[in-house]
Amino acid sequence: QNSIWEVVPSENISERGTRHLMPEKHLTYRLNRNALADVLSAAPQEFSGVWRTNPVILTIPKPDGKIVRFRLEESSILAPHIAQKFPTWKTYQGYGIDDPGATARFDWTDTGFHGYVLDPAGSYLIDPYQTNDTENYIVYNKHEYGTPVRNFHCRLDEMLNQEKTPLDSFMKSVEPAAEFTHGSQLRTYRLAIATTYEYTNHFRQTGDTGPQA
């Protein structure tokens, strides 16, 4: 599967759109979309148990240049009517093989491939290099994201930290609660998300309709 990803110098990537992601450090790769499509299409459905007899393996690059393997399952998270409207949008769950403690979420949409890996050594991401480009990608550590091109600062945490209530002094005297666990039962929730105009435009691709954006 090493044919899926090929290292490509960023100076060899032609300009096709706008770059919104500017990590302090990153590697750039060219994606073989046909090879990736073969792997994604073979992924079994989550909870089907097929992986026990016929696991599907996806290889992805890490920010240090290593290629690592994940056992892949299709994990459908879109509401049925949304999935029907956008049949090419697929979401996946990954379980680390070379890094057993790592888990990942991957997706393929009209904007290309995206990966978010939770690794004990540090989370990292795979995103399209620029808009209108499903062939070239950047791989970077979450903590090395740097300053985004469009500055945005949410003051919620600051406001909460500054908020003083009569309970503050009381809570300091209370023993910490036992570590929380959510058990072994999977719960599925239906979620509606509203975003601002600015947030939607940040991810809008050329030619997108409102719902697509």
Protein backbone atom coordinates (compact mmCIF):
# COMPACT_ATOMS: atom_id res chain seq x y z
CA GLN A 1 0.00 0.00 0.00
CA ASN A 2 2.98 2.35 -0.09
CA SER A 3 1.70 3.30 -3.55
CA ILE A 4 -1.14 5.25 -1.92
CA TRP A 5 1.13 8.02 -0.63
CA GLU A 6 4.12 9.60 -2.37
CA VAL A 7 6.29 12.32 -0.84
CA VAL A 8 6.15 15.48 -2.95
CA PRO A 9 8.02 18.75 -2.30
CA SER A 10 5.59 21.59 -1.68
CA GLU A 11 7.30 23.68 -4.37
CA ASN A 12 6.25 21.03 -6.91
CA ILE A 13 2.56 21.46 -6.08
CA SER A 14 0.82 23.75 -8.54
CA GLU A 15 -1.57 26.35 -7.18
CA ARG A 16 -5.19 25.24 -7.49
CA GLY A 17 -6.94 27.07 -4.66
CA THR A 18 -6.52 28.82 -1.34
CA ARG A 19 -4.38 27.49 1.50
CA HIS A 20 -6.20 27.80 4.81
CA LEU A 21 -3.90 25.50 6.84
CA MET A 22 -0.39 26.73 7.63
CA PRO A 23 1.19 24.39 10.23
CA GLU A 24 4.58 25.38 11.59
CA LYS A 25 5.93 22.01 10.46
CA HIS A 26 4.42 19.58 8.00
CA LEU A 27 5.13 17.05 5.28
CA THR A 28 3.47 17.07 1.89
CA TYR A 29 2.25 13.99 0.04
CA ARG A 30 0.59 13.18 -3.26
CA LEU A 31 -2.33 10.79 -2.98
CA ASN A 32 -3.06 7.95 -5.41
CA ARG A 33 -6.84 8.34 -5.31
CA ASN A 34 -7.55 5.12 -7.18
CA ALA A 35 -5.44 3.07 -4.78
CA LEU A 36 -7.13 4.72 -1.80
CA ALA A 37 -10.58 4.15 -3.29
CA ASP A 38 -9.85 0.42 -3.59
CA VAL A 39 -9.05 0.22 0.13
CA LEU A 40 -11.96 2.38 1.29
CA SER A 41 -14.49 0.47 -0.81
CA ALA A 42 -13.36 -2.81 0.76
CA ALA A 43 -13.76 -1.61 4.35
CA PRO A 44 -16.36 -3.66 6.27
CA GLN A 45 -19.14 -2.01 8.22
CA GLU A 46 -18.40 -1.22 11.85
CA PHE A 47 -19.70 -3.89 14.30
CA SER A 48 -20.13 -6.44 11.49
CA GLY A 49 -17.27 -8.57 12.86
CA VAL A 50 -15.89 -9.11 9.34
CA TRP A 51 -12.52 -7.72 10.41
CA ARG A 52 -11.85 -10.89 12.40
CA THR A 53 -11.62 -13.00 9.24
CA ASN A 54 -10.96 -10.41 6.55
CA PRO A 55 -9.40 -7.22 7.94
CA VAL A 56 -8.86 -4.24 5.64
CA ILE A 57 -5.65 -2.31 6.25
CA LEU A 58 -5.07 1.34 5.39
CA THR A 59 -1.59 2.87 5.45
CA ILE A 60 -1.13 6.55 6.22
CA PRO A 61 1.89 8.82 6.72
CA LYS A 62 2.87 10.34 10.05
CA PRO A 63 4.39 13.81 10.53
CA ASP A 64 7.79 12.17 11.09
CA GLY A 65 7.66 10.48 7.68
CA LYS A 66 6.86 6.98 8.88
CA ILE A 67 4.10 5.00 7.18
CA VAL A 68 1.81 3.26 9.69
CA ARG A 69 -1.05 0.80 9.35
CA PHE A 70 -4.63 1.04 10.61
CA ARG A 71 -7.34 -1.58 10.55
CA LEU A 72 -10.22 0.10 8.81
CA GLU A 73 -13.99 -0.09 9.24
CA GLU A 74 -16.68 2.05 7.67
CA SER A 75 -18.37 3.99 10.46
CA SER A 76 -21.43 5.74 9.11
CA ILE A 77 -22.18 8.86 11.15
CA LEU A 78 -24.42 10.82 8.77
CA ALA A 79 -28.17 10.84 9.24
CA PRO A 80 -29.80 8.55 6.62
CA HIS A 81 -31.36 11.37 4.61
CA ILE A 82 -28.02 13.23 4.49
CA ALA A 83 -26.15 10.07 3.49
CA GLN A 84 -28.68 9.49 0.72
CA LYS A 85 -28.26 13.04 -0.53
CA PHE A 86 -24.45 12.79 -0.58
CA PRO A 87 -23.68 9.11 -1.33
CA THR A 88 -19.98 9.73 -2.03
CA TRP A 89 -19.33 11.07 1.48
CA LYS A 90 -17.93 8.24 3.63
CA THR A 91 -16.60 8.13 7.19
CA TYR A 92 -14.32 5.51 8.74
CA GLN A 93 -12.86 4.34 12.04
CA GLY A 94 -9.22 3.25 12.25
CA TYR A 95 -7.49 1.07 14.84
CA GLY A 96 -3.69 1.28 15.05
CA ILE A 97 -1.65 -1.80 14.18
CA ASP A 98 1.92 -0.46 14.37
CA ASP A 99 0.81 1.91 17.16
CA PRO A 100 -1.80 -0.18 19.04
CA GLY A 101 -2.73 2.74 21.29
CA ALA A 102 -3.71 4.92 18.33
CA THR A 103 -7.23 5.36 17.00
CA ALA A 104 -8.32 7.44 14.05
CA ARG A 105 -11.21 8.90 12.15
CA PHE A 106 -11.01 9.24 8.38
CA ASP A 107 -13.40 10.59 5.79
CA TRP A 108 -13.72 11.07 2.07
CA THR A 109 -15.95 13.88 0.79
CA ASP A 110 -16.08 16.15 -2.23
CA THR A 111 -13.20 18.11 -0.68
CA GLY A 112 -10.95 15.03 -0.49
CA PHE A 113 -9.46 12.88 2.27
CA HIS A 114 -9.20 13.92 5.91
CA GLY A 115 -7.61 12.06 8.80
CA TYR A 116 -7.53 12.75 12.53
CA VAL A 117 -5.34 10.41 14.58
CA LEU A 118 -5.39 10.21 18.37
CA ASP A 119 -1.98 8.81 19.27
CA PRO A 120 -0.53 8.49 22.79
CA ALA A 121 2.57 10.27 21.47
CA GLY A 122 0.48 13.16 20.14
CA SER A 123 -2.44 13.73 17.80
CA TYR A 124 -1.82 14.45 14.13
CA LEU A 125 -3.88 15.29 11.07
CA ILE A 126 -4.01 14.78 7.31
CA ASP A 127 -5.76 17.48 5.28
CA PRO A 128 -5.90 18.68 1.67
CA TYR A 129 -3.02 20.99 0.84
CA GLN A 130 -5.37 23.61 -0.57
CA THR A 131 -8.95 24.09 -1.70
CA ASN A 132 -9.97 22.52 -5.02
CA ASP A 133 -7.22 19.92 -4.58
CA THR A 134 -7.99 16.28 -3.72
CA GLU A 135 -4.56 15.04 -4.84
CA ASN A 136 -2.07 16.80 -2.55
CA TYR A 137 -2.06 16.68 1.26
CA ILE A 138 -0.27 17.96 4.34
CA VAL A 139 0.47 15.84 7.41
CA TYR A 140 1.13 17.69 10.65
CA ASN A 141 1.09 17.41 14.43
CA LYS A 142 -1.86 19.07 16.12
CA HIS A 143 0.40 21.00 18.51
CA GLU A 144 2.39 22.40 15.59
CA TYR A 145 -0.61 23.84 13.80
CA GLY A 146 0.58 27.39 14.30
CA THR A 147 -1.44 30.53 13.60
CA PRO A 148 -4.25 30.08 11.07
CA VAL A 149 -4.43 32.38 8.07
CA ARG A 150 -7.77 33.68 9.32
CA ASN A 151 -7.35 34.64 12.94
CA PHE A 152 -10.18 33.64 15.24
CA HIS A 153 -10.14 33.64 19.00
CA CYS A 154 -12.88 32.22 21.19
CA ARG A 155 -12.98 33.84 24.65
CA LEU A 156 -15.31 31.28 26.22
CA ASP A 157 -12.62 29.58 28.32
CA GLU A 158 -11.30 32.92 29.49
CA MET A 159 -14.78 34.06 30.46
CA LEU A 160 -15.46 30.86 32.36
CA ASN A 161 -12.15 31.14 34.20
CA GLN A 162 -12.94 34.72 35.16
CA GLU A 163 -16.45 33.85 36.32
CA LYS A 164 -16.58 33.71 40.10
CA THR A 165 -19.40 31.99 41.95
CA PRO A 166 -20.10 31.20 45.63
CA LEU A 167 -19.37 27.57 44.82
CA ASP A 168 -15.75 28.23 43.92
CA SER A 169 -14.38 28.12 47.46
CA PHE A 170 -16.58 25.15 48.31
CA MET A 171 -15.46 23.13 45.29
CA LYS A 172 -11.83 23.63 46.21
CA SER A 173 -12.45 21.78 49.47
CA VAL A 174 -14.23 18.81 47.83
CA GLU A 175 -12.26 15.65 47.11
CA PRO A 176 -11.83 14.96 43.37
CA ALA A 177 -14.46 12.62 41.97
CA ALA A 178 -13.52 9.15 40.83
CA GLU A 179 -12.39 8.84 37.22
CA PHE A 180 -15.42 8.86 34.97
CA THR A 181 -16.23 5.93 32.71
CA HIS A 182 -18.94 5.65 30.12
CA GLY A 183 -19.12 1.87 30.26
CA SER A 184 -19.39 -0.54 27.35
CA GLN A 185 -22.78 0.43 25.92
CA LEU A 186 -22.71 2.34 22.64
CA ARG A 187 -25.20 5.17 22.45
CA THR A 188 -26.11 6.82 19.17
CA TYR A 189 -27.36 10.40 19.18
CA ARG A 190 -28.85 12.54 16.45
CA LEU A 191 -27.13 15.91 16.40
CA ALA A 192 -28.02 19.15 14.66
CA ILE A 193 -25.24 21.70 14.24
CA ALA A 194 -25.61 25.36 13.35
CA THR A 195 -22.58 27.37 12.22
CA THR A 196 -21.88 31.01 11.55
CA TYR A 197 -21.58 32.48 8.09
CA GLU A 198 -17.85 33.04 8.65
CA TYR A 199 -17.23 29.42 9.67
CA THR A 200 -19.12 28.05 6.67
CA ASN A 201 -17.23 30.28 4.26
CA HIS A 202 -13.92 29.11 5.74
CA PHE A 203 -14.57 25.62 4.34
CA ARG A 204 -16.56 26.59 1.25
CA GLN A 205 -15.23 25.18 -2.02
CA THR A 206 -15.64 26.91 -5.36
CA GLY A 207 -19.07 26.09 -6.75
CA ASP A 208 -20.47 24.80 -3.45
CA THR A 209 -24.13 25.27 -2.75
CA GLY A 210 -25.18 26.36 0.75
CA PRO A 211 -25.93 22.80 1.99
CA GLN A 212 -22.66 21.48 0.56
CA ALA A 213 -20.66 24.20 2.31
